[in-house]
N, C-alpha and C. Protein backbone atom coordinates (compact mmCIF):
# COMPACT_ATOMS: atom_id res chain seq x y z
N UNK A 1 63.39 -19.53 11.16
CA UNK A 1 62.94 -19.97 9.79
C UNK A 1 61.52 -20.64 9.96
N UNK A 2 61.13 -21.41 10.90
CA UNK A 2 59.89 -22.03 10.82
C UNK A 2 58.87 -21.02 10.84
N UNK A 3 59.10 -19.96 11.56
CA UNK A 3 58.09 -18.94 11.63
C UNK A 3 58.01 -18.06 10.50
N UNK A 4 58.94 -18.01 9.62
CA UNK A 4 59.13 -17.15 8.56
C UNK A 4 58.17 -17.70 7.53
N UNK A 5 57.94 -18.93 7.26
CA UNK A 5 56.95 -19.29 6.41
C UNK A 5 55.53 -19.00 6.75
N UNK A 6 55.32 -19.20 8.18
CA UNK A 6 53.99 -18.78 8.58
C UNK A 6 53.62 -17.38 8.46
N UNK A 7 54.74 -16.58 8.75
CA UNK A 7 54.56 -15.05 8.59
C UNK A 7 54.38 -14.84 7.09
N UNK A 8 55.10 -15.57 6.15
CA UNK A 8 54.88 -15.20 4.71
C UNK A 8 53.31 -15.65 4.32
N UNK A 9 52.94 -16.71 4.72
CA UNK A 9 51.59 -17.13 4.59
C UNK A 9 50.64 -16.09 4.99
N UNK A 10 50.83 -15.66 6.09
CA UNK A 10 49.85 -14.65 6.77
C UNK A 10 49.80 -13.40 6.06
N UNK A 11 51.16 -12.86 5.47
CA UNK A 11 51.21 -11.77 4.60
C UNK A 11 50.54 -11.93 3.43
N UNK A 12 50.51 -13.24 2.72
CA UNK A 12 49.83 -13.42 1.47
C UNK A 12 48.50 -13.30 1.69
N UNK A 13 47.90 -13.94 2.82
CA UNK A 13 46.62 -13.98 3.03
C UNK A 13 46.08 -12.52 3.19
N UNK A 14 46.81 -11.71 4.01
CA UNK A 14 46.62 -10.37 4.23
C UNK A 14 46.49 -9.61 2.91
N UNK A 15 47.45 -9.76 2.06
CA UNK A 15 47.54 -9.11 0.85
C UNK A 15 46.23 -9.36 0.00
N UNK A 16 45.85 -10.54 -0.07
CA UNK A 16 44.56 -11.11 -0.74
C UNK A 16 43.49 -10.42 -0.18
N UNK A 17 43.46 -10.32 1.19
CA UNK A 17 42.22 -9.60 1.76
C UNK A 17 42.05 -8.20 1.43
N UNK A 18 43.30 -7.61 1.40
CA UNK A 18 43.30 -6.11 1.22
C UNK A 18 43.08 -5.86 -0.25
N UNK A 19 43.41 -6.66 -1.18
CA UNK A 19 43.06 -6.43 -2.55
C UNK A 19 41.56 -6.85 -2.75
N UNK A 20 41.03 -7.65 -2.06
CA UNK A 20 39.60 -7.95 -2.21
C UNK A 20 38.90 -6.76 -1.55
N UNK A 21 39.25 -6.00 -0.67
CA UNK A 21 38.63 -4.98 -0.10
C UNK A 21 38.79 -3.66 -0.90
N UNK A 22 40.08 -3.44 -1.60
CA UNK A 22 40.18 -2.28 -2.22
C UNK A 22 39.26 -2.02 -3.42
N UNK A 23 38.78 -2.86 -4.23
CA UNK A 23 37.93 -2.82 -5.19
C UNK A 23 36.59 -2.14 -4.58
N UNK A 24 36.09 -2.85 -3.67
CA UNK A 24 34.94 -2.24 -2.85
C UNK A 24 34.94 -0.71 -2.56
N UNK A 25 36.04 -0.46 -1.96
CA UNK A 25 36.24 0.92 -1.58
C UNK A 25 36.25 1.88 -2.95
N UNK A 26 36.93 1.47 -3.90
CA UNK A 26 36.96 2.17 -5.02
C UNK A 26 35.73 2.30 -5.71
N UNK A 27 34.72 1.37 -5.34
CA UNK A 27 33.48 1.33 -6.03
C UNK A 27 32.55 2.61 -5.64
N UNK A 28 33.09 3.25 -4.70
CA UNK A 28 32.10 4.29 -4.38
C UNK A 28 32.35 5.53 -5.15
N UNK A 29 33.43 5.57 -6.08
CA UNK A 29 33.57 6.51 -7.05
C UNK A 29 32.91 6.22 -8.38
N UNK A 30 32.03 7.03 -8.99
CA UNK A 30 31.29 6.70 -10.14
C UNK A 30 31.80 7.79 -11.25
N UNK A 31 31.96 7.47 -12.29
CA UNK A 31 32.46 8.44 -13.44
C UNK A 31 31.39 8.32 -14.53
N UNK A 32 31.22 9.62 -15.03
CA UNK A 32 30.21 9.75 -16.28
C UNK A 32 30.86 10.52 -17.32
N UNK A 33 30.80 9.82 -18.63
CA UNK A 33 31.43 10.48 -19.86
C UNK A 33 30.36 10.24 -21.02
N UNK A 34 30.58 10.98 -21.84
CA UNK A 34 29.82 10.85 -23.21
C UNK A 34 30.64 10.50 -24.26
N UNK A 35 30.39 9.49 -25.11
CA UNK A 35 31.25 9.14 -26.22
C UNK A 35 31.01 9.97 -27.52
N UNK A 36 31.71 9.62 -28.47
CA UNK A 36 31.57 10.35 -29.73
C UNK A 36 30.19 10.46 -30.35
N UNK A 37 29.51 9.37 -30.10
CA UNK A 37 28.20 9.34 -30.76
C UNK A 37 27.02 10.05 -29.79
N UNK A 38 27.49 10.64 -28.76
CA UNK A 38 26.59 11.23 -27.84
C UNK A 38 25.93 10.35 -26.63
N UNK A 39 26.19 9.14 -26.63
CA UNK A 39 25.85 8.17 -25.75
C UNK A 39 26.54 8.46 -24.32
N UNK A 40 25.65 8.48 -23.44
CA UNK A 40 26.26 8.75 -21.94
C UNK A 40 26.63 7.37 -21.30
N UNK A 41 27.69 7.18 -20.76
CA UNK A 41 28.22 6.11 -20.03
C UNK A 41 28.47 6.43 -18.65
N UNK A 42 28.42 5.33 -17.86
CA UNK A 42 28.69 5.37 -16.33
C UNK A 42 29.73 4.25 -16.18
N UNK A 43 30.65 4.47 -15.05
CA UNK A 43 31.61 3.40 -14.92
C UNK A 43 32.25 3.57 -13.42
N UNK A 44 32.98 2.48 -12.95
CA UNK A 44 33.56 2.67 -11.60
C UNK A 44 35.11 3.12 -11.82
N UNK A 45 35.44 3.03 -12.98
CA UNK A 45 36.86 3.40 -13.21
C UNK A 45 37.00 4.64 -14.28
N UNK A 46 38.02 5.49 -14.03
CA UNK A 46 38.14 6.52 -15.18
C UNK A 46 38.26 5.98 -16.53
N UNK A 47 37.75 6.55 -17.55
CA UNK A 47 37.87 6.12 -18.87
C UNK A 47 38.97 6.89 -19.58
N UNK A 48 39.21 8.05 -19.19
CA UNK A 48 40.32 8.87 -19.85
C UNK A 48 39.76 9.83 -20.86
N UNK A 49 38.38 9.83 -21.15
CA UNK A 49 37.77 10.64 -22.09
C UNK A 49 37.70 11.99 -21.38
N UNK A 50 37.89 13.05 -22.33
CA UNK A 50 37.91 14.51 -21.88
C UNK A 50 36.59 14.94 -21.24
N UNK A 51 35.57 14.34 -21.74
CA UNK A 51 34.28 14.85 -21.09
C UNK A 51 33.82 14.14 -19.82
N UNK A 52 34.79 13.34 -19.24
CA UNK A 52 34.57 12.65 -18.06
C UNK A 52 34.35 13.40 -16.95
N UNK A 53 33.51 13.16 -16.01
CA UNK A 53 33.38 13.75 -14.89
C UNK A 53 33.02 12.84 -13.84
N UNK A 54 33.48 13.08 -12.58
CA UNK A 54 33.24 12.38 -11.20
C UNK A 54 31.90 12.72 -10.76
N UNK A 55 31.00 11.58 -10.61
CA UNK A 55 29.76 11.91 -10.06
C UNK A 55 29.63 11.78 -8.56
N UNK A 56 29.27 12.68 -7.83
CA UNK A 56 29.26 12.70 -6.30
C UNK A 56 28.15 11.85 -5.91
N UNK A 57 28.32 10.84 -5.12
CA UNK A 57 27.29 10.05 -4.72
C UNK A 57 27.30 10.09 -3.07
N UNK A 58 26.06 10.32 -2.58
CA UNK A 58 25.89 10.44 -1.19
C UNK A 58 25.12 9.27 -0.71
N UNK A 59 25.41 8.45 0.15
CA UNK A 59 24.62 7.47 0.56
C UNK A 59 24.50 7.32 2.11
N UNK A 60 23.37 6.74 2.44
CA UNK A 60 23.21 6.65 4.03
C UNK A 60 22.53 5.34 4.20
N UNK A 61 22.62 4.98 5.37
CA UNK A 61 21.99 3.62 5.79
C UNK A 61 20.64 3.73 5.79
N UNK A 62 20.04 2.46 5.40
CA UNK A 62 18.59 2.45 5.46
C UNK A 62 18.04 2.15 6.67
N UNK A 63 16.97 2.96 7.10
CA UNK A 63 16.37 2.80 8.49
C UNK A 63 15.33 1.76 8.26
N UNK A 64 15.68 0.45 8.76
CA UNK A 64 14.67 -0.74 8.34
C UNK A 64 13.41 -0.41 9.08
N UNK A 65 13.23 0.27 10.21
CA UNK A 65 11.91 0.42 11.01
C UNK A 65 11.04 1.40 10.22
N UNK A 66 11.83 2.58 9.55
CA UNK A 66 11.10 3.51 8.68
C UNK A 66 10.46 2.76 7.53
N UNK A 67 11.34 1.79 6.82
CA UNK A 67 10.96 1.10 5.58
C UNK A 67 9.72 0.27 6.03
N UNK A 68 9.85 -0.47 7.13
CA UNK A 68 8.78 -1.39 7.44
C UNK A 68 7.56 -0.53 7.86
N UNK A 69 7.61 0.55 8.42
CA UNK A 69 6.62 1.46 8.70
C UNK A 69 5.78 1.91 7.32
N UNK A 70 6.64 2.24 6.47
CA UNK A 70 6.16 2.71 5.08
C UNK A 70 5.24 1.47 4.36
N UNK A 71 6.01 0.26 4.55
CA UNK A 71 5.25 -0.94 3.93
C UNK A 71 4.07 -1.20 4.68
N UNK A 72 4.04 -1.09 6.03
CA UNK A 72 2.81 -1.44 6.70
C UNK A 72 1.67 -0.32 6.42
N UNK A 73 1.97 0.98 6.32
CA UNK A 73 1.12 1.95 5.95
C UNK A 73 0.49 1.75 4.47
N UNK A 74 1.28 1.32 3.51
CA UNK A 74 0.95 1.08 2.16
C UNK A 74 0.04 -0.09 2.20
N UNK A 75 0.27 -1.15 2.96
CA UNK A 75 -0.57 -2.39 3.21
C UNK A 75 -2.00 -2.03 3.70
N UNK A 76 -1.87 -1.17 4.72
CA UNK A 76 -3.10 -0.65 5.35
C UNK A 76 -3.90 0.12 4.38
N UNK A 77 -3.34 0.96 3.63
CA UNK A 77 -4.04 1.63 2.57
C UNK A 77 -4.78 0.74 1.56
N UNK A 78 -4.00 -0.12 1.17
CA UNK A 78 -4.53 -1.08 0.22
C UNK A 78 -5.61 -1.89 0.75
N UNK A 79 -5.71 -2.30 1.94
CA UNK A 79 -6.50 -3.10 2.66
C UNK A 79 -7.83 -2.17 2.65
N UNK A 80 -7.68 -1.02 3.07
CA UNK A 80 -8.79 0.00 3.24
C UNK A 80 -9.55 0.20 2.00
N UNK A 81 -8.64 0.47 0.86
CA UNK A 81 -9.22 0.45 -0.36
C UNK A 81 -9.99 -0.62 -0.71
N UNK A 82 -9.57 -1.92 -0.55
CA UNK A 82 -10.10 -3.16 -0.89
C UNK A 82 -11.48 -3.28 -0.21
N UNK A 83 -11.44 -3.02 1.25
CA UNK A 83 -12.59 -3.04 1.93
C UNK A 83 -13.72 -2.07 1.50
N UNK A 84 -13.36 -0.85 1.07
CA UNK A 84 -14.29 0.25 0.73
C UNK A 84 -14.79 -0.34 -0.77
N UNK A 85 -13.99 -0.97 -1.59
CA UNK A 85 -14.57 -1.51 -2.88
C UNK A 85 -15.46 -2.43 -2.66
N UNK A 86 -15.10 -3.45 -1.66
CA UNK A 86 -16.05 -4.59 -1.42
C UNK A 86 -17.36 -3.99 -0.83
N UNK A 87 -17.12 -2.96 -0.01
CA UNK A 87 -18.54 -2.40 0.54
C UNK A 87 -19.30 -1.69 -0.48
N UNK A 88 -18.67 -0.99 -1.54
CA UNK A 88 -19.35 -0.35 -2.51
C UNK A 88 -20.09 -1.47 -3.50
N UNK A 89 -19.38 -2.74 -3.62
CA UNK A 89 -19.86 -3.86 -4.58
C UNK A 89 -21.04 -4.33 -3.87
N UNK A 90 -21.04 -4.57 -2.53
CA UNK A 90 -22.17 -5.08 -1.84
C UNK A 90 -23.26 -4.04 -1.86
N UNK A 91 -22.99 -2.76 -1.69
CA UNK A 91 -24.06 -1.72 -1.65
C UNK A 91 -24.76 -1.81 -3.09
N UNK A 92 -23.90 -1.88 -4.11
CA UNK A 92 -24.32 -1.84 -5.33
C UNK A 92 -25.34 -3.05 -5.73
N UNK A 93 -25.02 -4.19 -5.29
CA UNK A 93 -25.56 -5.53 -5.32
C UNK A 93 -27.01 -5.33 -4.61
N UNK A 94 -26.96 -4.78 -3.40
CA UNK A 94 -28.23 -4.69 -2.63
C UNK A 94 -29.05 -3.62 -3.28
N UNK A 95 -28.45 -2.64 -3.91
CA UNK A 95 -29.44 -1.66 -4.48
C UNK A 95 -30.07 -2.19 -5.69
N UNK A 96 -29.21 -2.97 -6.49
CA UNK A 96 -29.85 -3.66 -7.72
C UNK A 96 -30.93 -4.69 -7.30
N UNK A 97 -30.62 -5.35 -6.18
CA UNK A 97 -31.61 -6.23 -5.84
C UNK A 97 -32.94 -5.60 -5.46
N UNK A 98 -32.86 -4.52 -4.68
CA UNK A 98 -33.96 -3.79 -4.24
C UNK A 98 -34.73 -3.09 -5.42
N UNK A 99 -33.95 -2.62 -6.44
CA UNK A 99 -34.60 -2.17 -7.59
C UNK A 99 -35.40 -3.13 -8.37
N UNK A 100 -34.78 -4.29 -8.40
CA UNK A 100 -35.38 -5.50 -9.16
C UNK A 100 -36.70 -5.85 -8.45
N UNK A 101 -36.73 -5.81 -6.91
CA UNK A 101 -37.80 -6.15 -6.20
C UNK A 101 -38.92 -5.13 -6.38
N UNK A 102 -38.52 -3.86 -6.51
CA UNK A 102 -39.39 -2.79 -6.87
C UNK A 102 -40.07 -2.83 -8.09
N UNK A 103 -39.31 -3.31 -9.05
CA UNK A 103 -39.76 -3.47 -10.37
C UNK A 103 -40.73 -4.56 -10.43
N UNK A 104 -40.57 -5.76 -9.70
CA UNK A 104 -41.43 -6.80 -9.74
C UNK A 104 -42.71 -6.37 -9.06
N UNK A 105 -42.54 -5.57 -7.91
CA UNK A 105 -43.80 -5.16 -7.25
C UNK A 105 -44.58 -4.44 -8.01
N UNK A 106 -43.97 -3.34 -8.80
CA UNK A 106 -44.67 -2.43 -9.86
C UNK A 106 -45.43 -3.27 -10.78
N UNK A 107 -44.64 -4.30 -11.30
CA UNK A 107 -45.31 -5.13 -12.37
C UNK A 107 -46.39 -5.86 -11.86
N UNK A 108 -46.35 -6.47 -10.50
CA UNK A 108 -47.32 -7.17 -9.95
C UNK A 108 -48.53 -6.20 -9.52
N UNK A 109 -48.28 -5.12 -9.15
CA UNK A 109 -49.38 -4.11 -8.85
C UNK A 109 -50.20 -3.69 -10.04
N UNK A 110 -49.59 -3.48 -11.21
CA UNK A 110 -50.21 -3.30 -12.44
C UNK A 110 -51.06 -4.47 -12.86
N UNK A 111 -50.40 -5.61 -12.80
CA UNK A 111 -51.13 -6.80 -13.24
C UNK A 111 -52.24 -7.17 -12.45
N UNK A 112 -52.44 -6.91 -11.20
CA UNK A 112 -53.49 -7.01 -10.33
C UNK A 112 -54.58 -5.88 -10.48
N UNK A 113 -54.06 -4.80 -10.94
CA UNK A 113 -54.88 -3.65 -11.01
C UNK A 113 -55.81 -3.88 -12.52
N UNK A 114 -55.15 -4.46 -13.37
CA UNK A 114 -55.69 -4.84 -14.78
C UNK A 114 -56.75 -5.93 -14.42
N UNK A 115 -56.32 -6.88 -13.75
CA UNK A 115 -57.15 -7.97 -13.30
C UNK A 115 -58.52 -7.61 -12.56
N UNK A 116 -58.36 -6.73 -11.58
CA UNK A 116 -59.49 -6.06 -10.84
C UNK A 116 -60.49 -5.35 -11.90
N UNK A 117 -59.82 -4.59 -12.75
CA UNK A 117 -60.50 -3.86 -13.70
C UNK A 117 -61.26 -4.84 -14.63
N UNK A 118 -60.56 -6.00 -15.04
CA UNK A 118 -61.28 -6.96 -15.90
C UNK A 118 -62.46 -7.58 -15.20
N UNK A 119 -62.33 -7.83 -13.92
CA UNK A 119 -63.37 -8.56 -13.02
C UNK A 119 -64.49 -7.47 -12.94
N UNK A 120 -64.25 -6.36 -12.82
CA UNK A 120 -65.51 -5.23 -12.72
C UNK A 120 -66.00 -5.04 -14.09
N UNK A 121 -65.35 -5.30 -15.18
CA UNK A 121 -66.06 -5.09 -16.48
C UNK A 121 -66.62 -6.29 -16.97
N UNK A 122 -66.35 -7.32 -16.56
CA UNK A 122 -66.86 -8.64 -17.07
C UNK A 122 -68.16 -9.03 -16.39
N UNK A 123 -69.14 -9.28 -17.11
CA UNK A 123 -70.45 -9.75 -16.59
C UNK A 123 -70.49 -10.94 -15.83
N UNK A 124 -69.54 -11.80 -16.21
CA UNK A 124 -69.34 -13.15 -15.65
C UNK A 124 -67.96 -13.70 -15.44
N UNK A 125 -67.54 -14.15 -14.30
CA UNK A 125 -66.32 -14.82 -14.14
C UNK A 125 -66.31 -16.20 -14.12
N UNK A 126 -65.11 -16.88 -14.42
CA UNK A 126 -65.05 -18.17 -14.37
C UNK A 126 -63.79 -18.72 -14.04
N UNK A 127 -63.63 -19.94 -13.54
CA UNK A 127 -62.39 -20.82 -13.36
C UNK A 127 -62.39 -22.01 -14.11
N UNK A 128 -61.23 -22.54 -14.32
CA UNK A 128 -61.28 -23.89 -15.00
C UNK A 128 -61.13 -24.97 -14.07
N UNK A 129 -61.94 -26.07 -14.22
CA UNK A 129 -61.91 -27.19 -13.23
C UNK A 129 -60.80 -28.07 -13.86
N UNK A 130 -60.63 -29.35 -13.21
CA UNK A 130 -59.54 -30.21 -13.44
C UNK A 130 -59.58 -30.71 -14.87
N UNK A 131 -60.71 -30.80 -15.49
CA UNK A 131 -60.94 -31.36 -16.95
C UNK A 131 -60.69 -30.00 -18.03
N UNK A 132 -60.48 -28.88 -17.40
CA UNK A 132 -60.22 -27.85 -18.40
C UNK A 132 -61.52 -27.21 -18.77
N UNK A 133 -62.53 -27.62 -18.13
CA UNK A 133 -63.88 -26.99 -18.36
C UNK A 133 -64.23 -25.61 -17.68
N UNK A 134 -64.95 -24.52 -18.17
CA UNK A 134 -65.35 -23.56 -17.36
C UNK A 134 -66.37 -23.77 -16.32
N UNK A 135 -66.06 -23.32 -15.22
CA UNK A 135 -67.06 -23.25 -14.14
C UNK A 135 -67.28 -21.79 -13.77
N UNK A 136 -68.60 -21.27 -13.87
CA UNK A 136 -68.82 -20.01 -13.80
C UNK A 136 -69.11 -19.75 -12.23
N UNK A 137 -68.47 -18.45 -11.75
CA UNK A 137 -68.63 -18.11 -10.21
C UNK A 137 -69.95 -17.40 -10.08
N UNK A 138 -70.50 -17.84 -8.80
CA UNK A 138 -71.81 -17.07 -8.47
C UNK A 138 -71.37 -15.70 -7.83
N UNK A 139 -72.36 -14.95 -7.35
CA UNK A 139 -72.16 -13.58 -7.01
C UNK A 139 -71.25 -13.63 -5.79
N UNK A 140 -71.33 -14.53 -4.75
CA UNK A 140 -70.41 -14.43 -3.58
C UNK A 140 -68.96 -14.74 -4.01
N UNK A 141 -68.86 -15.81 -4.90
CA UNK A 141 -67.55 -16.21 -5.39
C UNK A 141 -66.82 -15.15 -6.08
N UNK A 142 -67.63 -14.47 -6.87
CA UNK A 142 -67.18 -13.31 -7.59
C UNK A 142 -66.62 -12.30 -6.71
N UNK A 143 -67.51 -11.91 -5.78
CA UNK A 143 -67.00 -10.83 -4.77
C UNK A 143 -65.75 -11.30 -3.88
N UNK A 144 -65.58 -12.62 -3.54
CA UNK A 144 -64.53 -13.02 -2.95
C UNK A 144 -63.24 -12.87 -3.81
N UNK A 145 -63.37 -13.27 -5.18
CA UNK A 145 -62.28 -13.17 -6.09
C UNK A 145 -61.77 -11.65 -6.00
N UNK A 146 -62.95 -10.74 -6.18
CA UNK A 146 -62.38 -9.42 -6.25
C UNK A 146 -61.80 -8.83 -4.92
N UNK A 147 -62.11 -9.24 -3.86
CA UNK A 147 -61.48 -9.08 -2.46
C UNK A 147 -60.04 -9.39 -2.52
N UNK A 148 -59.87 -10.84 -3.03
CA UNK A 148 -58.50 -11.34 -3.17
C UNK A 148 -57.60 -10.39 -4.08
N UNK A 149 -58.18 -10.00 -5.06
CA UNK A 149 -57.33 -9.15 -6.00
C UNK A 149 -57.06 -7.86 -5.37
N UNK A 150 -58.08 -7.27 -4.63
CA UNK A 150 -57.96 -5.87 -4.05
C UNK A 150 -56.90 -6.14 -2.93
N UNK A 151 -56.79 -7.24 -2.22
CA UNK A 151 -55.88 -7.41 -1.14
C UNK A 151 -54.42 -7.37 -1.76
N UNK A 152 -54.28 -7.99 -2.99
CA UNK A 152 -52.97 -8.14 -3.60
C UNK A 152 -52.62 -6.78 -4.01
N UNK A 153 -53.55 -5.92 -4.47
CA UNK A 153 -53.31 -4.60 -5.03
C UNK A 153 -52.87 -3.76 -3.70
N UNK A 154 -53.37 -3.93 -2.72
CA UNK A 154 -52.97 -3.24 -1.47
C UNK A 154 -51.64 -3.58 -1.00
N UNK A 155 -51.35 -5.08 -1.21
CA UNK A 155 -50.03 -5.49 -0.81
C UNK A 155 -48.90 -5.02 -1.62
N UNK A 156 -49.13 -5.13 -2.95
CA UNK A 156 -48.04 -4.59 -4.12
C UNK A 156 -48.09 -3.15 -4.32
N UNK A 157 -49.23 -2.40 -4.33
CA UNK A 157 -49.34 -0.95 -4.77
C UNK A 157 -49.26 -0.11 -3.48
N UNK A 158 -49.33 -0.74 -2.36
CA UNK A 158 -49.40 0.22 -1.08
C UNK A 158 -48.14 0.50 -0.56
């Protein structure tokens, strides 16, 4: 009798375990039916509706290494796209900077050509002293000023 209580307890525990497992085993069956309003329903238990059909479900174990390989490949593609985008942005910024420098060189070239033209057309050149008064250049200073402007033209226009 002493053992009968233990056996009964074990049988009860076994029955509980079996009842806990049975719904999981039954969950592999899926049923599909359409109600009177035309709405499609799915369930794990038969509904008894005439339009009900059993849906065949095939499942397989997930290959973790294949999934990880797919994730790694996707991350590599994303990294490659991000690197390519960064490279394009850097190249675009470099190109814009070069274009800006070229525009500045073109403007400086034109400005110095106009200055040289002005020096050649003006009968006299002057500079302002610290008091803001005009000091006219002699011939040698005038030639030196023209040479400096010609050097700037050669630098910016050449």
